[in-house]
Amino acid sequence: MSKARYDSQQLNDLVLQMMETELGGEQVYRTALTCAVNPDLKEEWEGYLQETLTHQEVVRSLCDTLGLDPDTQSPTRRVVKHIGESLVKAMQLAKQGGDPAAAQLVACECVVHAETKDHANWELLGKVAEVATGDLGRALKAAHEAVEKDEDHHLYHTKGWCRELAIEALGLPAVLPPPEEVKNVETAIGASRAEQQRESML
């Protein structure tokens, strides 16, 4: 079977989207932190913010490898920027509502939205890294390996926080910190297993 090929223009576009996603992610976390009430959640997001700043540098390095200006705009990048700014505005709107717990939950939902895109970006980059060769292949693999676990952590743990805070808001017993946090899950399977065990953790 012949080696799979990838579209280099689409790879460039993906990396520019990744740059915008990481920049937007910084603003999402900075705003989310102003909404965080739970001290454990706040500490978690502070860590994610620092990791996001590191991820920005990883993507900038990828831009250098690909010969891309990291500030280059593209139609898809503009969409990513618009969505990121919308998430920040949604959190600001929630804060204006005067209910800190509700604003914290909205912030959690916004982080999940942002991290779903971020996680998908890195997953796609990993697919290209599997087939790319030479210096570029090595650079893509190194970038993917440096960031992938962080992205899994950000998405699956925040989804857990989001679920448990929503359950708590409904007046039902919640597991806080969530099972995903307690079990320190790093995969979709691990997250699913942790959620299934939540009843025993109440």
Protein backbone atom coordinates (compact mmCIF):
# COMPACT_ATOMS: atom_id res chain seq x y z
CA MET A 1 0.00 0.00 0.00
CA SER A 2 1.42 3.41 -0.98
CA LYS A 3 2.11 6.05 1.65
CA ALA A 4 -0.81 8.44 2.16
CA ARG A 5 -0.30 11.98 0.88
CA TYR A 6 -1.59 15.21 2.36
CA ASP A 7 -2.49 18.62 0.93
CA SER A 8 0.28 21.04 1.93
CA GLN A 9 -1.95 24.10 1.41
CA GLN A 10 -4.55 22.64 3.76
CA LEU A 11 -1.80 21.90 6.29
CA ASN A 12 -0.72 25.56 6.14
CA ASP A 13 -4.32 26.62 6.64
CA LEU A 14 -4.71 24.24 9.59
CA VAL A 15 -1.58 25.63 11.27
CA LEU A 16 -2.86 29.21 10.85
CA GLN A 17 -6.16 28.13 12.40
CA MET A 18 -4.18 26.55 15.23
CA MET A 19 -2.32 29.81 15.80
CA GLU A 20 -5.60 31.68 16.10
CA THR A 21 -7.15 28.97 18.29
CA GLU A 22 -4.27 29.20 20.76
CA LEU A 23 -4.36 33.02 20.77
CA GLY A 24 -8.13 32.98 21.23
CA GLY A 25 -7.78 30.28 23.87
CA GLU A 26 -5.61 32.62 25.93
CA GLN A 27 -8.39 35.23 25.93
CA VAL A 28 -11.02 32.58 26.69
CA TYR A 29 -9.06 31.41 29.74
CA ARG A 30 -8.29 34.93 30.94
CA THR A 31 -12.02 35.74 30.82
CA ALA A 32 -13.08 32.37 32.25
CA LEU A 33 -10.80 32.94 35.24
CA THR A 34 -12.76 36.10 36.07
CA CYS A 35 -15.89 33.90 36.20
CA ALA A 36 -14.41 31.03 38.23
CA VAL A 37 -15.82 30.68 41.74
CA ASN A 38 -14.68 27.17 42.64
CA PRO A 39 -11.03 27.40 43.82
CA ASP A 40 -10.11 23.99 42.34
CA LEU A 41 -11.51 25.00 38.96
CA LYS A 42 -9.69 28.33 39.12
CA GLU A 43 -6.40 26.58 39.84
CA GLU A 44 -7.04 24.16 36.97
CA TRP A 45 -7.71 26.96 34.48
CA GLU A 46 -4.67 28.93 35.64
CA GLY A 47 -2.59 25.89 34.71
CA TYR A 48 -4.35 25.55 31.35
CA LEU A 49 -3.70 29.22 30.60
CA GLN A 50 0.04 28.74 31.15
CA GLU A 51 0.00 25.63 28.95
CA THR A 52 -1.88 27.54 26.26
CA LEU A 53 0.86 30.19 26.23
CA THR A 54 3.38 27.38 25.72
CA HIS A 55 1.25 25.93 22.91
CA GLN A 56 1.34 29.32 21.17
CA GLU A 57 5.13 29.07 21.04
CA VAL A 58 4.95 25.50 19.69
CA VAL A 59 2.67 26.67 16.86
CA ARG A 60 4.89 29.69 16.15
CA SER A 61 7.79 27.27 15.77
CA LEU A 62 5.69 25.19 13.35
CA CYS A 63 4.97 28.34 11.35
CA ASP A 64 8.73 28.94 11.10
CA THR A 65 9.27 25.37 9.91
CA LEU A 66 6.56 25.76 7.27
CA GLY A 67 7.77 29.23 6.22
CA LEU A 68 4.51 30.81 7.36
CA ASP A 69 4.02 34.24 8.89
CA PRO A 70 2.12 33.40 12.12
CA ASP A 71 0.09 36.60 11.69
CA THR A 72 -1.17 35.67 8.20
CA GLN A 73 -4.95 35.88 7.98
CA SER A 74 -7.10 33.46 6.01
CA PRO A 75 -10.88 33.08 5.63
CA THR A 76 -10.91 30.08 7.99
CA ARG A 77 -8.69 31.83 10.52
CA ARG A 78 -11.06 34.81 10.58
CA VAL A 79 -13.91 32.43 11.44
CA VAL A 80 -11.86 30.94 14.31
CA LYS A 81 -11.14 34.47 15.58
CA HIS A 82 -14.82 35.40 15.39
CA ILE A 83 -15.85 32.32 17.39
CA GLY A 84 -13.18 32.99 20.03
CA GLU A 85 -14.29 36.60 20.44
CA SER A 86 -17.92 35.43 20.65
CA LEU A 87 -17.06 33.06 23.49
CA VAL A 88 -15.40 35.91 25.40
CA LYS A 89 -18.49 38.11 24.84
CA ALA A 90 -20.77 35.29 26.02
CA MET A 91 -18.87 35.04 29.32
CA GLN A 92 -18.94 38.82 29.77
CA LEU A 93 -22.68 38.75 29.17
CA ALA A 94 -23.12 35.98 31.74
CA LYS A 95 -21.17 37.99 34.32
CA GLN A 96 -23.53 40.92 33.81
CA GLY A 97 -26.40 38.65 34.88
CA GLY A 98 -25.30 38.97 38.51
CA ASP A 99 -25.31 35.22 39.28
CA PRO A 100 -21.69 34.08 39.86
CA ALA A 101 -22.54 30.36 39.76
CA ALA A 102 -24.40 30.76 36.46
CA ALA A 103 -21.51 32.79 34.99
CA GLN A 104 -19.04 30.10 36.09
CA LEU A 105 -21.12 27.45 34.30
CA VAL A 106 -21.28 29.55 31.12
CA ALA A 107 -17.50 30.00 31.33
CA CYS A 108 -17.12 26.23 31.62
CA GLU A 109 -19.30 25.73 28.53
CA CYS A 110 -17.26 28.31 26.61
CA VAL A 111 -13.99 26.60 27.56
CA VAL A 112 -15.42 23.27 26.33
CA HIS A 113 -16.36 24.92 23.00
CA ALA A 114 -12.87 26.39 22.62
CA GLU A 115 -11.09 23.20 23.67
CA THR A 116 -13.19 21.04 21.34
CA LYS A 117 -11.80 23.00 18.37
CA ASP A 118 -8.31 23.06 19.88
CA HIS A 119 -8.33 19.31 20.50
CA ALA A 120 -9.57 18.64 16.95
CA ASN A 121 -6.77 20.81 15.50
CA TRP A 122 -4.05 18.83 17.26
CA GLU A 123 -5.71 15.54 16.38
CA LEU A 124 -5.66 16.54 12.69
CA LEU A 125 -2.04 17.65 12.93
CA GLY A 126 -1.26 14.23 14.38
CA LYS A 127 -2.80 12.59 11.29
CA VAL A 128 -0.47 14.58 9.02
CA ALA A 129 2.49 13.86 11.33
CA GLU A 130 1.91 10.14 10.78
CA VAL A 131 2.57 10.44 7.03
CA ALA A 132 4.87 13.48 6.72
CA THR A 133 8.54 12.71 6.14
CA GLY A 134 11.93 14.38 6.62
CA ASP A 135 12.49 17.49 8.75
CA LEU A 136 8.83 18.53 8.49
CA GLY A 137 7.63 15.12 9.61
CA ARG A 138 9.93 15.24 12.60
CA ALA A 139 8.81 18.78 13.48
CA LEU A 140 5.12 17.84 13.25
CA LYS A 141 5.62 14.72 15.37
CA ALA A 142 7.58 16.64 18.02
CA ALA A 143 4.94 19.39 18.21
CA HIS A 144 2.11 16.87 18.43
CA GLU A 145 3.83 14.85 21.15
CA ALA A 146 4.59 18.03 23.14
CA VAL A 147 0.97 19.20 23.21
CA GLU A 148 -1.40 16.25 22.71
CA LYS A 149 -1.63 15.19 26.38
CA ASP A 150 -2.30 18.77 27.48
CA GLU A 151 -5.16 19.04 24.99
CA ASP A 152 -6.70 15.76 26.12
CA HIS A 153 -6.48 16.97 29.71
CA HIS A 154 -8.01 20.38 28.93
CA LEU A 155 -10.99 18.96 27.03
CA TYR A 156 -11.91 15.91 29.09
CA HIS A 157 -11.40 17.52 32.48
CA THR A 158 -13.34 20.68 31.60
CA LYS A 159 -16.18 18.60 30.16
CA GLY A 160 -16.32 16.88 33.55
CA TRP A 161 -16.39 20.21 35.38
CA CYS A 162 -19.12 21.43 33.05
CA ARG A 163 -21.30 18.37 33.65
CA GLU A 164 -20.92 18.40 37.44
CA LEU A 165 -21.50 22.15 37.77
CA ALA A 166 -24.66 21.81 35.65
CA ILE A 167 -25.84 18.90 37.82
CA GLU A 168 -25.15 20.99 40.93
CA ALA A 169 -27.10 23.92 39.43
CA LEU A 170 -30.08 21.58 38.99
CA GLY A 171 -29.99 20.89 42.72
CA LEU A 172 -28.73 17.33 42.31
CA PRO A 173 -25.71 15.76 44.05
CA ALA A 174 -22.51 16.60 42.13
CA VAL A 175 -18.97 15.23 42.28
CA LEU A 176 -16.61 18.19 42.68
CA PRO A 177 -13.85 18.07 41.63
CA PRO A 178 -15.27 15.86 38.86
CA PRO A 179 -14.31 12.17 38.45
CA GLU A 180 -12.17 13.07 35.40
CA GLU A 181 -10.07 15.28 37.66
CA VAL A 182 -9.86 12.79 40.51
CA LYS A 183 -8.88 9.95 38.15
CA ASN A 184 -6.61 12.29 36.13
CA VAL A 185 -7.93 10.94 32.82
CA GLU A 186 -5.99 11.55 29.61
CA THR A 187 -8.12 9.73 27.00
CA ALA A 188 -11.71 9.61 25.76
CA ILE A 189 -12.00 6.05 27.10
CA GLY A 190 -10.64 7.15 30.48
CA ALA A 191 -13.10 10.04 30.59
CA SER A 192 -15.99 7.71 29.78
CA ARG A 193 -14.96 5.29 32.52
CA ALA A 194 -14.58 8.10 35.04
CA GLU A 195 -18.07 9.40 34.25
CA GLN A 196 -19.51 5.91 34.68
CA GLN A 197 -17.97 5.75 38.16
CA ARG A 198 -19.41 9.07 39.33
CA GLU A 199 -22.36 7.48 41.18
CA SER A 200 -19.95 5.57 43.44
CA MET A 201 -18.11 8.84 44.19
CA LEU A 202 -21.13 10.75 45.49
